[in-house]
Amino acid sequence: MERIGVVGCGLMGSGIAEVTARAGASVTVIESDNDALKRGQDRIEASISRAVGSNKMSDEDATRLRANLLYSIDFADLADREMVIEAVAENEDLKLDVFRKIDAAVVDPGAILATNTSSIPIIKLAMATKRPEQVIGMHFFNPVPVLRLVELISSLLTSPETTARTSEYATDSLKKKVITSPDRAGFVVNALLIPYLLSAIRMLESGFASAEDIDTGMVVGCAHPMGPLALTDLIGLDTTLAVADSLYEEFKESHLAPPPLLSRMTQAGLMGRKSGQGFFSYRK
């Protein structure tokens, strides 16, 4: 596949756009308005500049990468795409609306419509389109240019051809490591990760230990690269809450229920790194 669309250019969408453009595809990036589009373009440019500055990318490769990227706020610019990857905020109503727009815009009858959702059932998004057999979950991990894993999630209606083509593209073109999951809340990684993060938040909320000691315990004591609270800040408290809500809605298990502290911090706009403040401060 040589013509890719990416809808959403936040932390995840910008990374997906970058790696698909690095792989040589022509990439059309869609955002909701010009301000969001400018922020996304700046985010991609900053990532490219870091790669060049650290000698991980040559100036020539950076020039080719930039030439592969087209930025737009018009869904009609997705008409000729062979695959479109949705990467908007983890909000079911928003994603459903985006999938209806993608389905209406993309002309190629064989185009694959992929979602980067970390928790919403793929079948719900697929049924918002007229081609549910061509809808698949393609869950990347942040930071996308660095982390190699992609979870592929096929719904009950996803065709074997869609699954095979998506797996081949992720493996051969993007050089990612692919794992597969059934269409269940949390898929593989978040079904394991989110209960761990929620447990750390409950530990902090109860006064059992400080945020610093919780994270130090897991980094120094268990050789984790990052503590659970810092990881929640990186993921985003709002995204963590959305995934926890989805897990609890599906399984109704008490350890999956979001702690009140997580809900209150999200309501206060303390989203983690992207807002400058979460369990730790990131303001300069």
Protein backbone atom coordinates (compact mmCIF):
# COMPACT_ATOMS: atom_id res chain seq x y z
CA MET A 1 0.00 0.00 0.00
CA GLU A 2 1.43 3.31 -1.12
CA ARG A 3 -1.39 5.78 -0.34
CA ILE A 4 -2.22 6.09 3.36
CA GLY A 5 -4.54 8.44 5.22
CA VAL A 6 -4.26 9.33 8.91
CA VAL A 7 -7.18 11.06 10.64
CA GLY A 8 -6.07 12.85 13.79
CA CYS A 9 -2.62 14.34 14.36
CA GLY A 10 -2.26 14.33 18.13
CA LEU A 11 0.38 12.32 19.97
CA MET A 12 -0.60 9.04 18.32
CA GLY A 13 -1.72 10.30 14.92
CA SER A 14 1.43 12.33 14.37
CA GLY A 15 3.55 9.28 15.17
CA ILE A 16 1.53 7.06 12.83
CA ALA A 17 1.79 9.65 10.06
CA GLU A 18 5.55 9.83 10.57
CA VAL A 19 6.19 6.08 10.46
CA THR A 20 3.99 5.54 7.41
CA ALA A 21 5.72 8.40 5.60
CA ARG A 22 9.12 7.03 6.64
CA ALA A 23 8.12 3.74 5.03
CA GLY A 24 7.74 5.55 1.72
CA ALA A 25 3.97 5.98 1.50
CA SER A 26 2.20 9.12 0.37
CA VAL A 27 0.41 10.16 3.58
CA THR A 28 -2.57 12.50 3.81
CA VAL A 29 -3.09 13.79 7.37
CA ILE A 30 -6.55 15.08 8.29
CA GLU A 31 -7.39 17.23 11.32
CA SER A 32 -10.56 18.93 12.53
CA ASP A 33 -9.38 22.52 12.01
CA ASN A 34 -6.35 24.52 10.94
CA ASP A 35 -5.10 25.13 14.48
CA ALA A 36 -5.08 21.41 15.29
CA LEU A 37 -3.47 20.72 11.94
CA LYS A 38 -0.70 23.23 12.64
CA ARG A 39 -0.04 21.68 16.07
CA GLY A 40 0.16 18.24 14.50
CA GLN A 41 2.49 19.40 11.75
CA ASP A 42 4.72 21.09 14.33
CA ARG A 43 4.77 17.86 16.36
CA ILE A 44 5.90 15.81 13.35
CA GLU A 45 8.49 18.41 12.39
CA ALA A 46 9.90 18.40 15.93
CA SER A 47 10.22 14.61 15.81
CA ILE A 48 12.00 14.73 12.45
CA SER A 49 14.35 17.44 13.69
CA ARG A 50 15.22 15.36 16.78
CA ALA A 51 15.96 12.35 14.58
CA VAL A 52 18.24 14.40 12.33
CA GLY A 53 19.94 16.06 15.31
CA SER A 54 20.71 12.70 16.89
CA ASN A 55 22.02 11.29 13.58
CA LYS A 56 19.19 8.74 13.42
CA MET A 57 18.02 10.23 10.13
CA SER A 58 19.93 11.88 7.31
CA ASP A 59 18.97 15.27 5.91
CA GLU A 60 18.10 13.56 2.62
CA ASP A 61 15.76 11.08 4.34
CA ALA A 62 14.15 13.93 6.27
CA THR A 63 13.51 15.81 3.03
CA ARG A 64 11.93 12.72 1.45
CA LEU A 65 9.81 12.14 4.55
CA ARG A 66 8.47 15.71 4.52
CA ALA A 67 7.66 15.40 0.81
CA ASN A 68 5.51 12.33 1.58
CA LEU A 69 3.21 14.29 3.92
CA LEU A 70 0.14 16.28 2.89
CA TYR A 71 -1.88 18.14 5.55
CA SER A 72 -5.59 18.93 5.17
CA ILE A 73 -8.87 19.54 7.00
CA ASP A 74 -10.94 18.14 4.10
CA PHE A 75 -12.00 14.48 4.30
CA ALA A 76 -12.44 14.54 0.51
CA ASP A 77 -8.63 14.42 0.26
CA LEU A 78 -8.83 10.80 1.43
CA ALA A 79 -10.68 9.72 -1.73
CA ASP A 80 -7.80 7.77 -3.30
CA ARG A 81 -6.32 6.25 -0.13
CA GLU A 82 -5.68 2.49 0.04
CA MET A 83 -5.75 2.53 3.85
CA VAL A 84 -7.00 5.13 6.30
CA ILE A 85 -5.96 4.92 9.96
CA GLU A 86 -8.19 6.75 12.46
CA ALA A 87 -6.30 8.15 15.46
CA VAL A 88 -8.62 10.70 17.07
CA ALA A 89 -9.33 10.98 20.81
CA GLU A 90 -10.59 7.90 22.64
CA ASN A 91 -14.24 8.95 22.49
CA GLU A 92 -16.77 6.54 21.00
CA ASP A 93 -19.14 9.16 19.55
CA LEU A 94 -16.25 11.05 17.97
CA LYS A 95 -14.78 7.90 16.44
CA LEU A 96 -18.15 6.79 15.08
CA ASP A 97 -18.59 10.19 13.42
CA VAL A 98 -15.09 10.00 11.94
CA PHE A 99 -15.68 6.50 10.56
CA ARG A 100 -18.88 7.63 8.84
CA LYS A 101 -16.93 10.48 7.22
CA ILE A 102 -14.06 8.22 6.16
CA ASP A 103 -16.47 5.67 4.70
CA ALA A 104 -18.20 8.39 2.68
CA ALA A 105 -14.93 9.96 1.49
CA VAL A 106 -12.82 6.96 0.45
CA VAL A 107 -13.59 5.86 -3.12
CA ASP A 108 -11.29 2.81 -3.42
CA PRO A 109 -13.63 -0.21 -2.97
CA GLY A 110 -10.79 -2.28 -1.50
CA ALA A 111 -9.55 0.34 0.97
CA ILE A 112 -8.92 -0.75 4.54
CA LEU A 113 -10.32 1.42 7.34
CA ALA A 114 -8.25 0.93 10.48
CA THR A 115 -8.69 2.31 13.98
CA ASN A 116 -6.03 3.01 16.57
CA THR A 117 -8.55 2.66 19.40
CA SER A 118 -7.19 1.18 22.60
CA SER A 119 -10.54 0.05 23.99
CA ILE A 120 -13.64 0.60 21.82
CA PRO A 121 -15.04 -2.59 20.23
CA ILE A 122 -14.02 -2.76 16.58
CA ILE A 123 -17.45 -4.06 15.56
CA LYS A 124 -19.10 -0.84 16.80
CA LEU A 125 -16.92 1.25 14.51
CA ALA A 126 -17.26 -1.23 11.65
CA MET A 127 -21.05 -1.04 11.73
CA ALA A 128 -20.87 2.73 11.20
CA THR A 129 -19.60 1.98 7.68
CA LYS A 130 -20.95 0.22 4.61
CA ARG A 131 -17.88 -2.04 4.51
CA PRO A 132 -17.50 -3.67 7.95
CA GLU A 133 -15.46 -6.50 6.45
CA GLN A 134 -12.72 -3.94 5.67
CA VAL A 135 -12.56 -2.43 9.17
CA ILE A 136 -9.83 -3.59 11.56
CA GLY A 137 -8.16 -2.49 14.77
CA MET A 138 -4.54 -1.40 14.30
CA HIS A 139 -3.38 -0.32 17.75
CA PHE A 140 0.02 1.39 17.87
CA PHE A 141 1.95 2.31 21.01
CA ASN A 142 3.39 5.65 22.10
CA PRO A 143 5.90 6.86 20.98
CA VAL A 144 4.99 5.28 17.64
CA PRO A 145 8.36 5.88 15.92
CA VAL A 146 10.14 4.08 18.78
CA LEU A 147 7.88 1.25 20.00
CA ARG A 148 7.67 -1.66 17.57
CA LEU A 149 4.44 -3.29 18.70
CA VAL A 150 1.14 -3.18 16.81
CA GLU A 151 -1.95 -5.04 18.00
CA LEU A 152 -4.24 -6.22 15.20
CA ILE A 153 -7.87 -6.76 16.18
CA SER A 154 -10.34 -8.35 13.81
CA SER A 155 -14.06 -8.03 14.50
CA LEU A 156 -16.55 -10.81 13.82
CA LEU A 157 -17.00 -9.33 10.33
CA THR A 158 -13.41 -8.44 9.39
CA SER A 159 -12.44 -10.43 6.32
CA PRO A 160 -9.36 -12.70 6.33
CA GLU A 161 -8.02 -10.66 3.38
CA THR A 162 -8.23 -7.42 5.39
CA THR A 163 -6.40 -9.02 8.31
CA ALA A 164 -3.70 -10.48 6.06
CA ARG A 165 -3.10 -7.25 4.12
CA THR A 166 -2.93 -5.16 7.30
CA SER A 167 -0.56 -7.61 8.99
CA GLU A 168 1.68 -7.68 5.92
CA TYR A 169 1.79 -3.87 5.75
CA ALA A 170 2.58 -3.49 9.46
CA THR A 171 5.27 -6.18 9.34
CA ASP A 172 6.93 -5.67 5.97
CA SER A 173 6.51 -1.94 5.34
CA LEU A 174 6.42 -0.47 8.86
CA LYS A 175 8.79 -3.08 10.36
CA LYS A 176 6.51 -3.53 13.36
CA LYS A 177 6.04 -6.62 15.52
CA VAL A 178 2.41 -7.74 15.22
CA ILE A 179 0.34 -9.54 17.81
CA THR A 180 -3.34 -10.41 17.36
CA SER A 181 -6.27 -10.10 19.71
CA PRO A 182 -9.96 -10.94 19.66
CA ASP A 183 -12.37 -8.00 19.68
CA ARG A 184 -12.62 -7.66 23.45
CA ALA A 185 -12.20 -4.54 25.57
CA GLY A 186 -8.54 -3.74 26.24
CA PHE A 187 -7.31 -6.26 23.68
CA VAL A 188 -4.05 -7.88 24.92
CA VAL A 189 -1.83 -5.12 26.28
CA ASN A 190 -4.36 -2.86 27.99
CA ALA A 191 -6.23 -5.81 29.46
CA LEU A 192 -2.99 -6.51 31.36
CA LEU A 193 -1.69 -2.96 31.78
CA ILE A 194 -4.72 -0.95 32.91
CA PRO A 195 -5.46 -2.98 36.09
CA TYR A 196 -1.80 -2.45 37.09
CA LEU A 197 -2.06 1.32 36.56
CA LEU A 198 -5.36 1.51 38.45
CA SER A 199 -3.82 -0.40 41.35
CA ALA A 200 -1.00 2.15 41.57
CA ILE A 201 -3.50 5.03 41.55
CA ARG A 202 -5.52 3.39 44.34
CA MET A 203 -2.32 2.94 46.34
CA LEU A 204 -1.57 6.66 46.01
CA GLU A 205 -5.19 7.63 46.69
CA SER A 206 -5.29 5.61 49.92
CA GLY A 207 -2.11 7.23 51.23
CA PHE A 208 -0.33 3.87 51.26
CA ALA A 209 2.72 5.33 49.50
CA SER A 210 3.84 8.50 47.72
CA ALA A 211 3.85 8.81 43.93
CA GLU A 212 7.65 8.93 43.98
CA ASP A 213 7.97 5.78 46.09
CA ILE A 214 5.42 3.84 44.02
CA ASP A 215 7.28 4.57 40.81
CA THR A 216 10.74 4.09 42.33
CA GLY A 217 9.65 0.72 43.67
CA MET A 218 8.69 -0.53 40.23
CA VAL A 219 11.63 1.03 38.36
CA VAL A 220 14.40 0.09 40.79
CA GLY A 221 12.82 -2.99 42.34
CA CYS A 222 11.29 -4.58 39.25
CA ALA A 223 13.46 -3.10 36.48
CA HIS A 224 10.50 -1.46 34.75
CA PRO A 225 11.66 1.33 32.43
CA MET A 226 9.01 3.64 33.87
CA GLY A 227 6.84 3.66 36.99
CA PRO A 228 3.07 3.16 36.70
CA LEU A 229 2.14 6.74 37.57
CA ALA A 230 4.65 8.26 35.15
CA LEU A 231 3.37 5.82 32.53
CA THR A 232 -0.20 6.94 33.18
CA ASP A 233 0.97 10.52 32.68
CA LEU A 234 2.57 9.51 29.38
CA ILE A 235 -0.54 7.67 28.16
CA GLY A 236 -2.82 10.47 29.34
CA LEU A 237 -5.15 10.29 32.31
CA ASP A 238 -8.16 10.82 30.06
CA THR A 239 -7.15 7.92 27.82
CA THR A 240 -6.47 5.70 30.85
CA LEU A 241 -9.92 6.58 32.22
CA ALA A 242 -11.60 5.83 28.87
CA VAL A 243 -9.94 2.41 28.64
CA ALA A 244 -10.80 1.61 32.26
CA ASP A 245 -14.43 2.58 31.65
CA SER A 246 -14.54 0.33 28.60
CA LEU A 247 -13.01 -2.60 30.49
CA TYR A 248 -15.39 -2.18 33.42
CA GLU A 249 -18.42 -1.86 31.13
CA GLU A 250 -17.56 -5.13 29.41
CA PHE A 251 -16.41 -7.28 32.35
CA LYS A 252 -18.00 -5.63 35.43
CA GLU A 253 -15.05 -6.60 37.63
CA SER A 254 -14.33 -4.31 40.60
CA HIS A 255 -10.57 -4.05 39.98
CA LEU A 256 -11.35 -2.51 36.57
CA ALA A 257 -13.47 0.33 38.01
CA PRO A 258 -11.64 3.69 37.72
CA PRO A 259 -10.53 5.09 41.11
CA PRO A 260 -12.23 8.39 42.05
CA LEU A 261 -8.84 10.14 42.00
CA LEU A 262 -8.39 9.32 38.31
CA SER A 263 -11.84 10.68 37.50
CA ARG A 264 -11.34 13.87 39.54
CA MET A 265 -7.93 14.61 38.01
CA THR A 266 -9.34 14.16 34.52
CA GLN A 267 -12.23 16.49 35.33
CA ALA A 268 -9.68 19.04 36.58
CA GLY A 269 -7.79 18.90 33.28
CA LEU A 270 -4.76 17.21 34.84
CA MET A 271 -4.14 14.88 31.90
CA GLY A 272 -0.44 14.16 32.40
CA ARG A 273 2.36 15.12 30.05
CA LYS A 274 0.10 16.64 27.41
CA SER A 275 -1.37 19.14 29.90
CA GLY A 276 1.87 19.69 31.82
CA GLN A 277 0.56 18.22 35.06
CA GLY A 278 -0.59 14.78 36.13
CA PHE A 279 0.76 12.69 38.98
CA PHE A 280 4.01 14.56 38.28
CA SER A 281 4.71 18.02 36.91
CA TYR A 282 6.08 18.52 33.39
CA ARG A 283 5.95 22.32 33.31
CA LYS A 284 9.24 24.03 32.59
